[in-house]
PDB file of all heavy atoms in Angstrom:
ATOM      1  N   ALA A   1     -61.522 -58.533  28.862  1.00  0.00           N
ATOM      2  CA  ALA A   1     -60.209 -57.879  29.206  1.00  0.00           C
ATOM      3  C   ALA A   1     -60.319 -56.445  28.623  1.00  0.00           C
ATOM      4  O   ALA A   1     -60.966 -56.163  27.581  1.00  0.00           O
ATOM      5  CB  ALA A   1     -59.082 -58.543  28.618  1.00  0.00           C
ATOM      6  N   TYR A   2     -59.742 -55.467  29.432  1.00  0.00           N
ATOM      7  CA  TYR A   2     -59.674 -54.104  28.895  1.00  0.00           C
ATOM      8  C   TYR A   2     -58.397 -53.984  28.130  1.00  0.00           C
ATOM      9  O   TYR A   2     -57.426 -53.384  28.497  1.00  0.00           O
ATOM     10  CB  TYR A   2     -59.658 -53.162  30.156  1.00  0.00           C
ATOM     11  CG  TYR A   2     -60.959 -52.914  30.830  1.00  0.00           C
ATOM     12  CD1 TYR A   2     -61.276 -53.486  32.058  1.00  0.00           C
ATOM     13  CD2 TYR A   2     -62.026 -52.273  30.194  1.00  0.00           C
ATOM     14  CE1 TYR A   2     -62.505 -53.288  32.699  1.00  0.00           C
ATOM     15  CE2 TYR A   2     -63.283 -52.060  30.777  1.00  0.00           C
ATOM     16  CZ  TYR A   2     -63.474 -52.611  32.062  1.00  0.00           C
ATOM     17  OH  TYR A   2     -64.713 -52.456  32.594  1.00  0.00           O
ATOM     18  N   THR A   3     -58.447 -54.564  26.931  1.00  0.00           N
ATOM     19  CA  THR A   3     -57.327 -54.502  26.005  1.00  0.00           C
ATOM     20  C   THR A   3     -57.526 -53.533  24.829  1.00  0.00           C
ATOM     21  O   THR A   3     -58.515 -52.885  24.748  1.00  0.00           O
ATOM     22  CB  THR A   3     -57.042 -55.938  25.453  1.00  0.00           C
ATOM     23  OG1 THR A   3     -58.203 -56.390  24.821  1.00  0.00           O
ATOM     24  CG2 THR A   3     -56.787 -56.932  26.668  1.00  0.00           C
ATOM     25  N   GLY A   4     -56.561 -53.518  23.940  1.00  0.00           N
ATOM     26  CA  GLY A   4     -56.629 -52.837  22.737  1.00  0.00           C
ATOM     27  C   GLY A   4     -57.944 -53.036  21.986  1.00  0.00           C
ATOM     28  O   GLY A   4     -58.564 -52.197  21.332  1.00  0.00           O
ATOM     29  N   ASP A   5     -58.390 -54.303  22.023  1.00  0.00           N
ATOM     30  CA  ASP A   5     -59.597 -54.727  21.268  1.00  0.00           C
ATOM     31  C   ASP A   5     -60.854 -53.979  21.814  1.00  0.00           C
ATOM     32  O   ASP A   5     -61.664 -53.526  21.002  1.00  0.00           O
ATOM     33  CB  ASP A   5     -59.745 -56.214  21.354  1.00  0.00           C
ATOM     34  CG  ASP A   5     -60.586 -56.776  20.213  1.00  0.00           C
ATOM     35  OD1 ASP A   5     -60.572 -56.169  19.151  1.00  0.00           O
ATOM     36  OD2 ASP A   5     -61.267 -57.832  20.457  1.00  0.00           O
ATOM     37  N   PHE A   6     -60.862 -53.894  23.103  1.00  0.00           N
ATOM     38  CA  PHE A   6     -61.965 -53.059  23.772  1.00  0.00           C
ATOM     39  C   PHE A   6     -61.949 -51.638  23.229  1.00  0.00           C
ATOM     40  O   PHE A   6     -63.047 -51.095  22.803  1.00  0.00           O
ATOM     41  CB  PHE A   6     -61.846 -53.183  25.271  1.00  0.00           C
ATOM     42  CG  PHE A   6     -62.798 -52.230  25.993  1.00  0.00           C
ATOM     43  CD1 PHE A   6     -64.221 -52.582  26.105  1.00  0.00           C
ATOM     44  CD2 PHE A   6     -62.322 -51.052  26.548  1.00  0.00           C
ATOM     45  CE1 PHE A   6     -65.054 -51.684  26.823  1.00  0.00           C
ATOM     46  CE2 PHE A   6     -63.205 -50.199  27.275  1.00  0.00           C
ATOM     47  CZ  PHE A   6     -64.557 -50.483  27.361  1.00  0.00           C
ATOM     48  N   PHE A   7     -60.890 -50.893  23.366  1.00  0.00           N
ATOM     49  CA  PHE A   7     -60.819 -49.548  22.928  1.00  0.00           C
ATOM     50  C   PHE A   7     -60.970 -49.415  21.444  1.00  0.00           C
ATOM     51  O   PHE A   7     -61.626 -48.362  21.001  1.00  0.00           O
ATOM     52  CB  PHE A   7     -59.418 -48.935  23.367  1.00  0.00           C
ATOM     53  CG  PHE A   7     -59.225 -48.890  24.856  1.00  0.00           C
ATOM     54  CD1 PHE A   7     -58.471 -49.805  25.505  1.00  0.00           C
ATOM     55  CD2 PHE A   7     -59.882 -47.867  25.592  1.00  0.00           C
ATOM     56  CE1 PHE A   7     -58.328 -49.804  26.855  1.00  0.00           C
ATOM     57  CE2 PHE A   7     -59.702 -47.758  26.987  1.00  0.00           C
ATOM     58  CZ  PHE A   7     -58.947 -48.850  27.572  1.00  0.00           C
ATOM     59  N   LYS A   8     -60.557 -50.385  20.621  1.00  0.00           N
ATOM     60  CA  LYS A   8     -60.711 -50.314  19.205  1.00  0.00           C
ATOM     61  C   LYS A   8     -62.229 -50.283  18.851  1.00  0.00           C
ATOM     62  O   LYS A   8     -62.626 -49.602  17.879  1.00  0.00           O
ATOM     63  CB  LYS A   8     -60.007 -51.505  18.529  1.00  0.00           C
ATOM     64  CG  LYS A   8     -60.148 -51.552  16.993  1.00  0.00           C
ATOM     65  CD  LYS A   8     -59.472 -52.762  16.463  1.00  0.00           C
ATOM     66  CE  LYS A   8     -60.258 -53.969  16.653  1.00  0.00           C
ATOM     67  NZ  LYS A   8     -59.704 -55.190  16.058  1.00  0.00           N
ATOM     68  N   HIS A   9     -63.048 -51.008  19.658  1.00  0.00           N
ATOM     69  CA  HIS A   9     -64.519 -51.005  19.287  1.00  0.00           C
ATOM     70  C   HIS A   9     -65.309 -49.839  19.942  1.00  0.00           C
ATOM     71  O   HIS A   9     -66.222 -49.364  19.363  1.00  0.00           O
ATOM     72  CB  HIS A   9     -65.048 -52.370  19.839  1.00  0.00           C
ATOM     73  CG  HIS A   9     -64.683 -53.535  18.925  1.00  0.00           C
ATOM     74  ND1 HIS A   9     -63.484 -54.186  19.024  1.00  0.00           N
ATOM     75  CD2 HIS A   9     -65.375 -54.145  17.918  1.00  0.00           C
ATOM     76  CE1 HIS A   9     -63.492 -55.224  18.173  1.00  0.00           C
ATOM     77  NE2 HIS A   9     -64.608 -55.129  17.431  1.00  0.00           N
ATOM     78  N   ILE A  10     -64.937 -49.472  21.164  1.00  0.00           N
ATOM     79  CA  ILE A  10     -65.805 -48.492  21.891  1.00  0.00           C
ATOM     80  C   ILE A  10     -65.466 -46.984  21.424  1.00  0.00           C
ATOM     81  O   ILE A  10     -66.309 -46.158  21.448  1.00  0.00           O
ATOM     82  CB  ILE A  10     -65.742 -48.668  23.360  1.00  0.00           C
ATOM     83  CG1 ILE A  10     -66.889 -47.957  23.963  1.00  0.00           C
ATOM     84  CG2 ILE A  10     -64.457 -48.286  23.948  1.00  0.00           C
ATOM     85  CD1 ILE A  10     -67.137 -48.151  25.436  1.00  0.00           C
ATOM     86  N   LEU A  11     -64.170 -46.707  21.319  1.00  0.00           N
ATOM     87  CA  LEU A  11     -63.729 -45.362  21.143  1.00  0.00           C
ATOM     88  C   LEU A  11     -64.316 -44.748  19.855  1.00  0.00           C
ATOM     89  O   LEU A  11     -64.825 -43.585  19.869  1.00  0.00           O
ATOM     90  CB  LEU A  11     -62.307 -45.153  21.194  1.00  0.00           C
ATOM     91  CG  LEU A  11     -61.605 -45.314  22.665  1.00  0.00           C
ATOM     92  CD1 LEU A  11     -60.072 -45.144  22.553  1.00  0.00           C
ATOM     93  CD2 LEU A  11     -62.263 -44.248  23.516  1.00  0.00           C
ATOM     94  N   PRO A  12     -64.146 -45.379  18.641  1.00  0.00           N
ATOM     95  CA  PRO A  12     -64.702 -44.773  17.500  1.00  0.00           C
ATOM     96  C   PRO A  12     -66.267 -44.584  17.624  1.00  0.00           C
ATOM     97  O   PRO A  12     -66.740 -43.435  17.141  1.00  0.00           O
ATOM     98  CB  PRO A  12     -64.539 -45.911  16.421  1.00  0.00           C
ATOM     99  CG  PRO A  12     -63.380 -46.637  16.929  1.00  0.00           C
ATOM    100  CD  PRO A  12     -63.510 -46.725  18.383  1.00  0.00           C
ATOM    101  N   PHE A  13     -66.951 -45.469  18.194  1.00  0.00           N
ATOM    102  CA  PHE A  13     -68.421 -45.259  18.501  1.00  0.00           C
ATOM    103  C   PHE A  13     -68.686 -43.974  19.339  1.00  0.00           C
ATOM    104  O   PHE A  13     -69.520 -43.141  18.948  1.00  0.00           O
ATOM    105  CB  PHE A  13     -69.027 -46.479  19.153  1.00  0.00           C
ATOM    106  CG  PHE A  13     -70.449 -46.302  19.674  1.00  0.00           C
ATOM    107  CD1 PHE A  13     -71.466 -45.756  18.779  1.00  0.00           C
ATOM    108  CD2 PHE A  13     -70.789 -46.607  20.890  1.00  0.00           C
ATOM    109  CE1 PHE A  13     -72.734 -45.567  19.256  1.00  0.00           C
ATOM    110  CE2 PHE A  13     -72.007 -46.523  21.417  1.00  0.00           C
ATOM    111  CZ  PHE A  13     -73.080 -45.954  20.598  1.00  0.00           C
ATOM    112  N   LEU A  14     -67.988 -43.875  20.464  1.00  0.00           N
ATOM    113  CA  LEU A  14     -68.276 -42.779  21.327  1.00  0.00           C
ATOM    114  C   LEU A  14     -67.793 -41.402  20.681  1.00  0.00           C
ATOM    115  O   LEU A  14     -68.531 -40.406  20.822  1.00  0.00           O
ATOM    116  CB  LEU A  14     -67.468 -42.945  22.592  1.00  0.00           C
ATOM    117  CG  LEU A  14     -67.829 -44.128  23.504  1.00  0.00           C
ATOM    118  CD1 LEU A  14     -67.001 -44.204  24.795  1.00  0.00           C
ATOM    119  CD2 LEU A  14     -69.369 -43.956  23.884  1.00  0.00           C
ATOM    120  N   ILE A  15     -66.713 -41.403  20.013  1.00  0.00           N
ATOM    121  CA  ILE A  15     -66.196 -40.179  19.304  1.00  0.00           C
ATOM    122  C   ILE A  15     -67.215 -39.687  18.288  1.00  0.00           C
ATOM    123  O   ILE A  15     -67.594 -38.578  18.193  1.00  0.00           O
ATOM    124  CB  ILE A  15     -64.788 -40.414  18.737  1.00  0.00           C
ATOM    125  CG1 ILE A  15     -63.801 -40.555  19.882  1.00  0.00           C
ATOM    126  CG2 ILE A  15     -64.375 -39.190  17.863  1.00  0.00           C
ATOM    127  CD1 ILE A  15     -62.436 -41.012  19.460  1.00  0.00           C
ATOM    128  N   PHE A  16     -67.637 -40.633  17.331  1.00  0.00           N
ATOM    129  CA  PHE A  16     -68.524 -40.224  16.326  1.00  0.00           C
ATOM    130  C   PHE A  16     -69.952 -39.872  16.860  1.00  0.00           C
ATOM    131  O   PHE A  16     -70.595 -39.056  16.283  1.00  0.00           O
ATOM    132  CB  PHE A  16     -68.594 -41.298  15.221  1.00  0.00           C
ATOM    133  CG  PHE A  16     -67.616 -41.190  14.138  1.00  0.00           C
ATOM    134  CD1 PHE A  16     -66.353 -41.866  14.308  1.00  0.00           C
ATOM    135  CD2 PHE A  16     -67.759 -40.381  13.075  1.00  0.00           C
ATOM    136  CE1 PHE A  16     -65.339 -41.715  13.351  1.00  0.00           C
ATOM    137  CE2 PHE A  16     -66.798 -40.254  12.108  1.00  0.00           C
ATOM    138  CZ  PHE A  16     -65.581 -40.898  12.173  1.00  0.00           C
ATOM    139  N   MET A  17     -70.348 -40.534  17.973  1.00  0.00           N
ATOM    140  CA  MET A  17     -71.627 -40.182  18.544  1.00  0.00           C
ATOM    141  C   MET A  17     -71.599 -38.794  19.060  1.00  0.00           C
ATOM    142  O   MET A  17     -72.552 -38.013  18.839  1.00  0.00           O
ATOM    143  CB  MET A  17     -71.991 -41.190  19.642  1.00  0.00           C
ATOM    144  CG  MET A  17     -73.368 -40.963  20.226  1.00  0.00           C
ATOM    145  SD  MET A  17     -73.671 -42.157  21.560  1.00  0.00           S
ATOM    146  CE  MET A  17     -72.519 -41.538  22.826  1.00  0.00           C
ATOM    147  N   GLU A  18     -70.569 -38.429  19.738  1.00  0.00           N
ATOM    148  CA  GLU A  18     -70.466 -37.001  20.339  1.00  0.00           C
ATOM    149  C   GLU A  18     -70.326 -36.030  19.129  1.00  0.00           C
ATOM    150  O   GLU A  18     -70.990 -34.936  19.225  1.00  0.00           O
ATOM    151  CB  GLU A  18     -69.212 -36.984  21.265  1.00  0.00           C
ATOM    152  CG  GLU A  18     -69.351 -37.698  22.545  1.00  0.00           C
ATOM    153  CD  GLU A  18     -70.487 -37.201  23.362  1.00  0.00           C
ATOM    154  OE1 GLU A  18     -70.702 -35.954  23.473  1.00  0.00           O
ATOM    155  OE2 GLU A  18     -71.140 -38.041  23.955  1.00  0.00           O
ATOM    156  N   LEU A  19     -69.550 -36.340  18.112  1.00  0.00           N
ATOM    157  CA  LEU A  19     -69.470 -35.437  16.971  1.00  0.00           C
ATOM    158  C   LEU A  19     -70.855 -35.204  16.289  1.00  0.00           C
ATOM    159  O   LEU A  19     -71.209 -34.113  15.965  1.00  0.00           O
ATOM    160  CB  LEU A  19     -68.470 -35.926  16.010  1.00  0.00           C
ATOM    161  CG  LEU A  19     -66.960 -35.788  16.364  1.00  0.00           C
ATOM    162  CD1 LEU A  19     -66.076 -36.508  15.282  1.00  0.00           C
ATOM    163  CD2 LEU A  19     -66.545 -34.312  16.527  1.00  0.00           C
ATOM    164  N   ALA A  20     -71.542 -36.391  16.104  1.00  0.00           N
ATOM    165  CA  ALA A  20     -72.865 -36.259  15.487  1.00  0.00           C
ATOM    166  C   ALA A  20     -73.841 -35.383  16.247  1.00  0.00           C
ATOM    167  O   ALA A  20     -74.431 -34.530  15.641  1.00  0.00           O
ATOM    168  CB  ALA A  20     -73.420 -37.739  15.223  1.00  0.00           C
ATOM    169  N   PHE A  21     -73.960 -35.524  17.506  1.00  0.00           N
ATOM    170  CA  PHE A  21     -74.962 -34.789  18.344  1.00  0.00           C
ATOM    171  C   PHE A  21     -74.479 -33.421  18.481  1.00  0.00           C
ATOM    172  O   PHE A  21     -75.312 -32.489  18.790  1.00  0.00           O
ATOM    173  CB  PHE A  21     -75.266 -35.525  19.655  1.00  0.00           C
ATOM    174  CG  PHE A  21     -76.203 -36.718  19.394  1.00  0.00           C
ATOM    175  CD1 PHE A  21     -75.664 -37.933  19.479  1.00  0.00           C
ATOM    176  CD2 PHE A  21     -77.491 -36.466  19.122  1.00  0.00           C
ATOM    177  CE1 PHE A  21     -76.652 -39.094  19.284  1.00  0.00           C
ATOM    178  CE2 PHE A  21     -78.418 -37.498  18.906  1.00  0.00           C
ATOM    179  CZ  PHE A  21     -77.884 -38.912  18.987  1.00  0.00           C
ATOM    180  N   MET A  22     -73.188 -33.129  18.547  1.00  0.00           N
ATOM    181  CA  MET A  22     -72.660 -31.868  18.587  1.00  0.00           C
ATOM    182  C   MET A  22     -73.088 -31.048  17.398  1.00  0.00           C
ATOM    183  O   MET A  22     -73.524 -29.897  17.493  1.00  0.00           O
ATOM    184  CB  MET A  22     -71.121 -31.790  18.701  1.00  0.00           C
ATOM    185  CG  MET A  22     -70.576 -30.339  18.855  1.00  0.00           C
ATOM    186  SD  MET A  22     -68.814 -30.401  18.965  1.00  0.00           S
ATOM    187  CE  MET A  22     -68.312 -30.777  17.217  1.00  0.00           C
ATOM    188  N   VAL A  23     -73.107 -31.651  16.197  1.00  0.00           N
ATOM    189  CA  VAL A  23     -73.514 -31.014  14.973  1.00  0.00           C
ATOM    190  C   VAL A  23     -75.048 -31.002  14.972  1.00  0.00           C
ATOM    191  O   VAL A  23     -75.670 -29.989  14.507  1.00  0.00           O
ATOM    192  CB  VAL A  23     -73.019 -31.725  13.746  1.00  0.00           C
ATOM    193  CG1 VAL A  23     -73.519 -31.091  12.437  1.00  0.00           C
ATOM    194  CG2 VAL A  23     -71.493 -31.685  13.760  1.00  0.00           C
ATOM    195  N   GLY A  24     -75.704 -32.047  15.357  1.00  0.00           N
ATOM    196  CA  GLY A  24     -77.135 -32.204  15.188  1.00  0.00           C
ATOM    197  C   GLY A  24     -77.893 -31.239  16.086  1.00  0.00           C
ATOM    198  O   GLY A  24     -78.986 -30.823  15.797  1.00  0.00           O
ATOM    199  N   THR A  25     -77.207 -30.820  17.251  1.00  0.00           N
ATOM    200  CA  THR A  25     -77.947 -29.932  18.087  1.00  0.00           C
ATOM    201  C   THR A  25     -77.104 -28.620  18.152  1.00  0.00           C
ATOM    202  O   THR A  25     -76.954 -27.931  19.181  1.00  0.00           O
ATOM    203  CB  THR A  25     -77.961 -30.429  19.568  1.00  0.00           C
ATOM    204  OG1 THR A  25     -76.690 -30.794  20.041  1.00  0.00           O
ATOM    205  CG2 THR A  25     -78.823 -31.731  19.587  1.00  0.00           C
ATOM    206  N   TRP A  26     -76.539 -28.222  17.070  1.00  0.00           N
ATOM    207  CA  TRP A  26     -75.682 -27.046  16.864  1.00  0.00           C
ATOM    208  C   TRP A  26     -76.323 -25.804  17.520  1.00  0.00           C
ATOM    209  O   TRP A  26     -77.341 -25.505  17.117  1.00  0.00           O
ATOM    210  CB  TRP A  26     -75.359 -26.909  15.375  1.00  0.00           C
ATOM    211  CG  TRP A  26     -74.151 -25.927  15.236  1.00  0.00           C
ATOM    212  CD1 TRP A  26     -74.215 -24.591  14.891  1.00  0.00           C
ATOM    213  CD2 TRP A  26     -72.832 -26.233  15.332  1.00  0.00           C
ATOM    214  NE1 TRP A  26     -73.030 -24.021  14.825  1.00  0.00           N
ATOM    215  CE2 TRP A  26     -72.096 -24.938  14.997  1.00  0.00           C
ATOM    216  CE3 TRP A  26     -72.033 -27.375  15.547  1.00  0.00           C
ATOM    217  CZ2 TRP A  26     -70.672 -24.931  15.057  1.00  0.00           C
ATOM    218  CZ3 TRP A  26     -70.678 -27.285  15.576  1.00  0.00           C
ATOM    219  CH2 TRP A  26     -69.988 -26.154  15.254  1.00  0.00           C
ATOM    220  N   GLY A  27     -75.634 -25.180  18.359  1.00  0.00           N
ATOM    221  CA  GLY A  27     -76.089 -24.007  18.998  1.00  0.00           C
ATOM    222  C   GLY A  27     -76.681 -24.204  20.401  1.00  0.00           C
ATOM    223  O   GLY A  27     -76.979 -23.277  21.123  1.00  0.00           O
ATOM    224  N   ILE A  28     -76.879 -25.444  20.787  1.00  0.00           N
ATOM    225  CA  ILE A  28     -77.371 -25.796  22.042  1.00  0.00           C
ATOM    226  C   ILE A  28     -76.411 -26.738  22.811  1.00  0.00           C
ATOM    227  O   ILE A  28     -76.018 -27.808  22.202  1.00  0.00           O
ATOM    228  CB  ILE A  28     -78.719 -26.403  22.050  1.00  0.00           C
ATOM    229  CG1 ILE A  28     -79.728 -25.533  21.305  1.00  0.00           C
ATOM    230  CG2 ILE A  28     -79.243 -26.787  23.427  1.00  0.00           C
ATOM    231  CD1 ILE A  28     -81.093 -26.071  21.149  1.00  0.00           C
ATOM    232  N   ALA A  29     -75.956 -26.363  23.969  1.00  0.00           N
ATOM    233  CA  ALA A  29     -75.127 -27.261  24.789  1.00  0.00           C
ATOM    234  C   ALA A  29     -75.806 -28.587  25.106  1.00  0.00           C
ATOM    235  O   ALA A  29     -76.871 -28.552  25.698  1.00  0.00           O
ATOM    236  CB  ALA A  29     -74.569 -26.554  25.972  1.00  0.00           C
ATOM    237  N   GLY A  30     -75.197 -29.710  24.883  1.00  0.00           N
ATOM    238  CA  GLY A  30     -75.879 -31.003  25.027  1.00  0.00           C
ATOM    239  C   GLY A  30     -75.556 -31.715  26.325  1.00  0.00           C
ATOM    240  O   GLY A  30     -76.293 -32.456  26.841  1.00  0.00           O
TER     241      GLY A  30
END
């Protein structure tokens, strides 16, 4: 089901992954 449990698990992963690579490749659009 696409419930709150789904968003609770996937959104933190996606957000921190984007933040990590934004910093890790700082200066280059990813």
